[in-house]
Amino acid sequence: MKLSIRSKFSTGMVFLTIILVLSIFSAYYMNKVSNETGAILKENYLSVVYARDIAEGLTKVNQEITRSFIMNVNADTLILKNELKIVGKSLQSEKNNITEPGEDKLVAGIETGLKDYSDSVSRYLESPHVVTRIVSLQEKFNELYQQLIQLSQMNGNAFEVKTDNTKISTQDALTQMSIIATLCFIIALFYSYSFSSYSNERFTQLYNGIKKFGFGNYGHRLDFDGTDKFYEISLVLNKMAEKLNENEKKTAILSPELGKAMTKSDIQELKGVLTRIKNIEHDVDALIIRTEDKL
């Protein structure tokens, strides 16, 4: 079925709207994915930071105890208490930041080991310089350190996997949106070109017909199909030409001079119509150019 000029223009505008909606949706979707991914990756990153902070705090505690034993002096209890306090805060933050399967069990084991280590430190301060207690503290420290390394590796690996998955998902989404947007653009461009060609063809046909009327060929008729405005204009002009043709015949019989005068008047009227039609053509051409620029 042949579409009217209004239908073609409206359809083209629909596809243009789809392109704009896709662009807005794409920007919104990419921003949302970026924010969600950033939040997820931040959680894994923080777990790595917490594990590092705990490990650093325990290392300082272990170094202070080792120093006091080797130098046969009392350990600095202020350093030990401050570091263990910092370690406890970091552990609590990690407990509130569980994201990976099995991470909760690993953190629970670290919490249990850290409590046992803290108790052993307190016992050491009560009876310093006992070799068995130093050895026990070293063993517990090493065990905790290995658990913290596992925690850090678990979140570090998850960070890499999620980053790769996000890149793949984002690329797939961009590809799909690009395909849809390209198809819509091609369809809209096709309708824009069709609209332009259709309008130019109809205007040319109308223009040539009016020129014939202007040269006195009142027997000519404009043959337009469809139901658009061009068809309605052609009916009006054909009716006008028919009346002019009848008037020309009647006046030619009654008075050749009167017929000639009326004919000139009618020609001037037709020329005025022709001028108005040309102005309309320029306006529509300008509309087409603006529409194509937007597309």
Protein backbone atom coordinates (compact mmCIF):
# COMPACT_ATOMS: atom_id res chain seq x y z
CA MET A 1 0.00 0.00 0.00
CA LYS A 2 1.38 3.40 -0.96
CA LEU A 3 1.84 5.67 2.01
CA SER A 4 0.75 9.28 1.96
CA ILE A 5 3.27 12.06 2.47
CA ARG A 6 2.01 12.63 6.00
CA SER A 7 2.29 8.92 6.82
CA LYS A 8 5.85 8.76 5.49
CA PHE A 9 6.89 11.84 7.41
CA SER A 10 5.24 10.58 10.61
CA THR A 11 6.87 7.17 10.25
CA GLY A 12 10.26 8.78 9.74
CA MET A 13 9.74 10.87 12.86
CA VAL A 14 8.83 7.74 14.81
CA PHE A 15 12.12 6.09 13.90
CA LEU A 16 13.98 9.29 14.71
CA THR A 17 12.32 9.28 18.13
CA ILE A 18 13.36 5.65 18.60
CA ILE A 19 16.97 6.60 17.88
CA LEU A 20 16.82 9.40 20.44
CA VAL A 21 15.22 7.10 23.02
CA LEU A 22 17.89 4.48 22.38
CA SER A 23 20.61 7.07 22.86
CA ILE A 24 19.13 8.22 26.16
CA PHE A 25 18.54 4.65 27.32
CA SER A 26 22.07 3.66 26.31
CA ALA A 27 23.59 6.52 28.31
CA TYR A 28 21.40 5.68 31.32
CA TYR A 29 22.20 1.96 31.10
CA MET A 30 25.95 2.52 30.76
CA ASN A 31 25.92 4.92 33.71
CA LYS A 32 23.93 2.45 35.81
CA VAL A 33 26.22 -0.46 34.95
CA SER A 34 29.23 1.71 35.67
CA ASN A 35 27.90 2.70 39.10
CA GLU A 36 26.87 -0.83 40.05
CA THR A 37 30.15 -2.30 38.86
CA GLY A 38 32.10 0.37 40.67
CA ALA A 39 30.27 -0.45 43.90
CA ILE A 40 30.91 -4.21 43.52
CA LEU A 41 34.57 -3.77 42.69
CA LYS A 42 34.96 -1.33 45.56
CA GLU A 43 33.76 -4.00 47.99
CA ASN A 44 36.43 -6.45 46.80
CA TYR A 45 39.05 -3.72 46.88
CA LEU A 46 38.14 -2.82 50.46
CA SER A 47 38.46 -6.45 51.54
CA VAL A 48 42.00 -6.47 50.15
CA VAL A 49 42.73 -3.25 52.06
CA TYR A 50 41.30 -4.66 55.31
CA ALA A 51 43.36 -7.84 54.96
CA ARG A 52 46.48 -5.75 54.39
CA ASP A 53 45.78 -3.53 57.41
CA ILE A 54 45.27 -6.55 59.68
CA ALA A 55 48.46 -8.15 58.41
CA GLU A 56 50.45 -4.93 58.94
CA GLY A 57 49.08 -4.51 62.47
CA LEU A 58 49.89 -8.09 63.45
CA THR A 59 53.37 -7.74 61.93
CA LYS A 60 54.06 -4.70 64.11
CA VAL A 61 52.83 -6.58 67.19
CA ASN A 62 55.01 -9.56 66.35
CA GLN A 63 58.03 -7.34 65.72
CA GLU A 64 57.63 -5.58 69.07
CA ILE A 65 57.36 -8.88 70.95
CA THR A 66 60.36 -10.32 69.07
CA ARG A 67 62.38 -7.17 69.79
CA SER A 68 61.59 -7.31 73.50
CA PHE A 69 62.54 -10.98 73.70
CA ILE A 70 65.82 -10.60 71.84
CA MET A 71 66.87 -7.49 73.75
CA ASN A 72 65.56 -8.90 77.03
CA VAL A 73 63.43 -5.83 77.72
CA ASN A 74 59.75 -5.29 78.37
CA ALA A 75 57.54 -4.86 75.33
CA ASP A 76 55.89 -1.50 74.72
CA THR A 77 52.33 -2.28 75.80
CA LEU A 78 51.03 0.98 74.30
CA ILE A 79 52.19 -0.08 70.84
CA LEU A 80 50.70 -3.55 71.27
CA LYS A 81 47.32 -2.25 72.48
CA ASN A 82 47.05 0.39 69.72
CA GLU A 83 47.94 -2.06 66.98
CA LEU A 84 45.57 -4.75 68.26
CA LYS A 85 42.83 -2.11 68.49
CA ILE A 86 43.41 -1.10 64.84
CA VAL A 87 43.45 -4.76 63.83
CA GLY A 88 40.11 -5.31 65.60
CA LYS A 89 38.48 -2.39 63.75
CA SER A 90 39.74 -3.62 60.39
CA LEU A 91 38.42 -7.11 61.13
CA GLN A 92 35.01 -5.71 62.06
CA SER A 93 34.92 -3.73 58.79
CA GLU A 94 35.77 -6.90 56.85
CA LYS A 95 32.97 -8.83 58.60
CA ASN A 96 30.54 -6.20 57.26
CA ASN A 97 31.96 -6.49 53.75
CA ILE A 98 31.53 -10.21 52.91
CA THR A 99 30.99 -10.63 49.15
CA GLU A 100 32.53 -13.90 47.97
CA PRO A 101 31.48 -17.56 48.54
CA GLY A 102 33.46 -19.01 51.44
CA GLU A 103 34.69 -15.62 52.57
CA ASP A 104 32.49 -15.70 55.67
CA LYS A 105 34.07 -18.95 56.90
CA LEU A 106 37.56 -17.65 56.23
CA VAL A 107 36.86 -14.42 58.14
CA ALA A 108 35.34 -16.39 61.01
CA GLY A 109 38.54 -18.45 61.20
CA ILE A 110 40.63 -15.27 61.20
CA GLU A 111 38.48 -13.83 63.99
CA THR A 112 38.94 -16.95 66.12
CA GLY A 113 42.68 -17.03 65.46
CA LEU A 114 43.04 -13.32 66.22
CA LYS A 115 41.26 -13.72 69.59
CA ASP A 116 43.56 -16.61 70.48
CA TYR A 117 46.60 -14.58 69.38
CA SER A 118 45.52 -11.58 71.49
CA ASP A 119 45.08 -13.81 74.54
CA SER A 120 48.53 -15.27 73.96
CA VAL A 121 49.99 -11.75 73.77
CA SER A 122 48.36 -10.91 77.12
CA ARG A 123 49.79 -14.07 78.69
CA TYR A 124 53.21 -13.24 77.28
CA LEU A 125 53.12 -9.77 78.84
CA GLU A 126 52.35 -11.37 82.19
CA SER A 127 55.35 -13.74 81.93
CA PRO A 128 57.77 -12.39 79.29
CA HIS A 129 60.90 -14.06 77.98
CA VAL A 130 59.40 -17.56 78.05
CA VAL A 131 60.64 -19.37 74.95
CA THR A 132 57.61 -21.63 74.58
CA ARG A 133 55.27 -18.66 74.54
CA ILE A 134 57.39 -16.86 71.95
CA VAL A 135 57.32 -19.96 69.74
CA SER A 136 53.56 -20.31 70.20
CA LEU A 137 53.05 -16.65 69.27
CA GLN A 138 55.15 -17.07 66.12
CA GLU A 139 53.13 -20.12 65.05
CA LYS A 140 49.83 -18.35 65.58
CA PHE A 141 51.09 -15.27 63.78
CA ASN A 142 52.18 -17.33 60.76
CA GLU A 143 48.82 -19.11 60.65
CA LEU A 144 46.94 -15.79 60.76
CA TYR A 145 49.22 -14.31 58.12
CA GLN A 146 48.51 -17.21 55.75
CA GLN A 147 44.76 -16.80 56.27
CA LEU A 148 45.02 -13.09 55.52
CA ILE A 149 46.92 -13.86 52.33
CA GLN A 150 44.09 -16.22 51.29
CA LEU A 151 41.53 -13.49 52.02
CA SER A 152 43.46 -10.98 49.94
CA GLN A 153 43.92 -13.41 47.03
CA MET A 154 40.23 -14.40 47.11
CA ASN A 155 39.07 -10.80 46.68
CA GLY A 156 41.86 -9.92 44.27
CA ASN A 157 40.90 -12.81 41.95
CA ALA A 158 37.22 -11.88 42.24
CA PHE A 159 38.12 -8.31 41.33
CA GLU A 160 39.80 -9.46 38.11
CA VAL A 161 36.98 -11.86 37.15
CA LYS A 162 34.26 -9.28 37.73
CA THR A 163 36.20 -6.68 35.79
CA ASP A 164 36.50 -9.03 32.80
CA ASN A 165 32.81 -10.01 33.01
CA THR A 166 31.79 -6.37 33.17
CA LYS A 167 33.83 -5.56 30.08
CA ILE A 168 32.20 -8.44 28.17
CA SER A 169 28.66 -7.50 29.31
CA THR A 170 29.18 -3.85 28.50
CA GLN A 171 30.61 -4.67 25.07
CA ASP A 172 27.67 -6.98 24.29
CA ALA A 173 25.18 -4.30 25.35
CA LEU A 174 26.93 -1.68 23.24
CA THR A 175 26.97 -4.00 20.24
CA GLN A 176 23.26 -4.76 20.51
CA MET A 177 22.32 -1.11 20.94
CA SER A 178 24.57 -0.12 18.04
CA ILE A 179 22.88 -2.66 15.76
CA ILE A 180 19.40 -1.50 16.74
CA ALA A 181 20.33 2.17 16.44
CA THR A 182 21.94 1.58 13.03
CA LEU A 183 18.85 -0.22 11.72
CA CYS A 184 16.58 2.55 12.97
CA PHE A 185 18.84 5.18 11.45
CA ILE A 186 18.86 3.42 8.06
CA ILE A 187 15.07 3.08 8.10
CA ALA A 188 14.63 6.71 9.15
CA LEU A 189 17.07 7.80 6.44
CA PHE A 190 15.15 5.78 3.88
CA TYR A 191 11.88 7.41 4.86
CA SER A 192 13.51 10.82 4.82
CA TYR A 193 14.80 10.25 1.28
CA SER A 194 11.47 8.78 0.23
CA PHE A 195 9.66 11.76 1.70
CA SER A 196 11.95 14.18 -0.13
CA SER A 197 11.62 12.36 -3.47
CA TYR A 198 7.90 12.02 -3.07
CA SER A 199 7.46 15.73 -2.32
CA ASN A 200 9.68 16.88 -5.18
CA GLU A 201 7.91 14.62 -7.65
CA ARG A 202 4.48 15.86 -6.60
CA PHE A 203 5.53 19.50 -6.63
CA THR A 204 7.07 19.14 -10.07
CA GLN A 205 3.93 17.54 -11.42
CA LEU A 206 1.79 20.25 -9.85
CA TYR A 207 4.10 23.01 -11.04
CA ASN A 208 4.11 21.79 -14.67
CA GLY A 209 0.35 21.43 -14.65
CA ILE A 210 -0.17 24.98 -13.43
CA LYS A 211 2.25 26.27 -16.06
CA LYS A 212 0.09 24.69 -18.74
CA PHE A 213 -2.93 26.40 -17.27
CA GLY A 214 -0.98 29.64 -17.27
CA PHE A 215 -0.30 29.29 -21.02
CA GLY A 216 -4.00 28.90 -21.67
CA ASN A 217 -4.19 25.12 -21.94
CA TYR A 218 -7.38 24.81 -19.93
CA GLY A 219 -8.09 21.38 -21.37
CA HIS A 220 -5.19 19.92 -19.39
CA ARG A 221 -6.00 18.06 -16.17
CA LEU A 222 -3.86 17.27 -13.17
CA ASP A 223 -3.85 13.53 -12.50
CA PHE A 224 -2.90 12.85 -8.85
CA ASP A 225 -3.54 9.64 -6.99
CA GLY A 226 -3.77 9.16 -3.25
CA THR A 227 -5.53 11.22 -0.62
CA ASP A 228 -2.91 13.80 0.37
CA LYS A 229 -2.97 17.59 0.03
CA PHE A 230 -1.61 17.43 -3.50
CA TYR A 231 -4.62 15.40 -4.56
CA GLU A 232 -6.97 17.93 -2.96
CA ILE A 233 -5.18 20.85 -4.68
CA SER A 234 -5.34 19.05 -8.03
CA LEU A 235 -9.11 18.68 -7.69
CA VAL A 236 -9.50 22.40 -7.02
CA LEU A 237 -7.25 23.38 -9.93
CA ASN A 238 -8.93 20.94 -12.30
CA LYS A 239 -12.29 22.39 -11.37
CA MET A 240 -10.94 25.91 -11.89
CA ALA A 241 -9.51 24.94 -15.28
CA GLU A 242 -12.81 23.38 -16.28
CA LYS A 243 -14.70 26.58 -15.43
CA LEU A 244 -12.12 28.70 -17.24
CA ASN A 245 -12.45 26.48 -20.27
CA GLU A 246 -16.23 26.82 -20.25
CA ASN A 247 -16.05 30.59 -19.71
CA GLU A 248 -13.53 30.95 -22.50
CA LYS A 249 -15.83 29.16 -24.94
CA LYS A 250 -18.91 31.13 -23.89
CA THR A 251 -17.21 34.52 -24.00
CA ALA A 252 -15.56 33.73 -27.30
CA ILE A 253 -19.00 33.16 -28.81
CA LEU A 254 -20.61 36.23 -27.24
CA SER A 255 -17.72 38.66 -27.55
CA PRO A 256 -14.18 37.80 -28.65
CA GLU A 257 -12.80 40.98 -27.05
CA LEU A 258 -14.50 40.20 -23.72
CA GLY A 259 -13.28 36.61 -23.85
CA LYS A 260 -9.75 37.78 -24.49
CA ALA A 261 -9.91 40.20 -21.52
CA MET A 262 -11.33 37.52 -19.21
CA THR A 263 -8.72 35.07 -20.36
CA LYS A 264 -5.91 37.49 -19.49
CA SER A 265 -7.47 38.07 -16.07
CA ASP A 266 -7.73 34.34 -15.47
CA ILE A 267 -4.14 33.86 -16.56
CA GLN A 268 -3.01 36.46 -14.06
CA GLU A 269 -4.98 34.66 -11.35
CA LEU A 270 -3.35 31.38 -12.29
CA LYS A 271 0.07 33.00 -12.22
CA GLY A 272 -0.67 34.20 -8.69
CA VAL A 273 -1.62 30.66 -7.73
CA LEU A 274 1.60 29.41 -9.36
CA THR A 275 3.66 31.89 -7.32
CA ARG A 276 2.01 30.77 -4.08
CA ILE A 277 2.62 27.11 -4.95
CA LYS A 278 6.30 27.84 -5.58
CA ASN A 279 6.53 29.55 -2.17
CA ILE A 280 4.96 26.49 -0.58
CA GLU A 281 7.50 24.32 -2.38
CA HIS A 282 10.39 26.34 -0.97
CA ASP A 283 8.96 26.07 2.54
CA VAL A 284 8.55 22.32 2.31
CA ASP A 285 12.03 21.90 0.82
CA ALA A 286 13.42 23.85 3.77
CA LEU A 287 11.47 21.57 6.13
CA ILE A 288 12.93 18.51 4.42
CA ILE A 289 16.48 19.86 4.71
CA ARG A 290 16.02 20.55 8.44
CA THR A 291 14.57 17.08 8.95
CA GLU A 292 17.48 15.42 7.12
CA ASP A 293 19.97 17.43 9.19
CA LYS A 294 18.36 16.16 12.39
CA LEU A 295 18.54 12.60 11.10
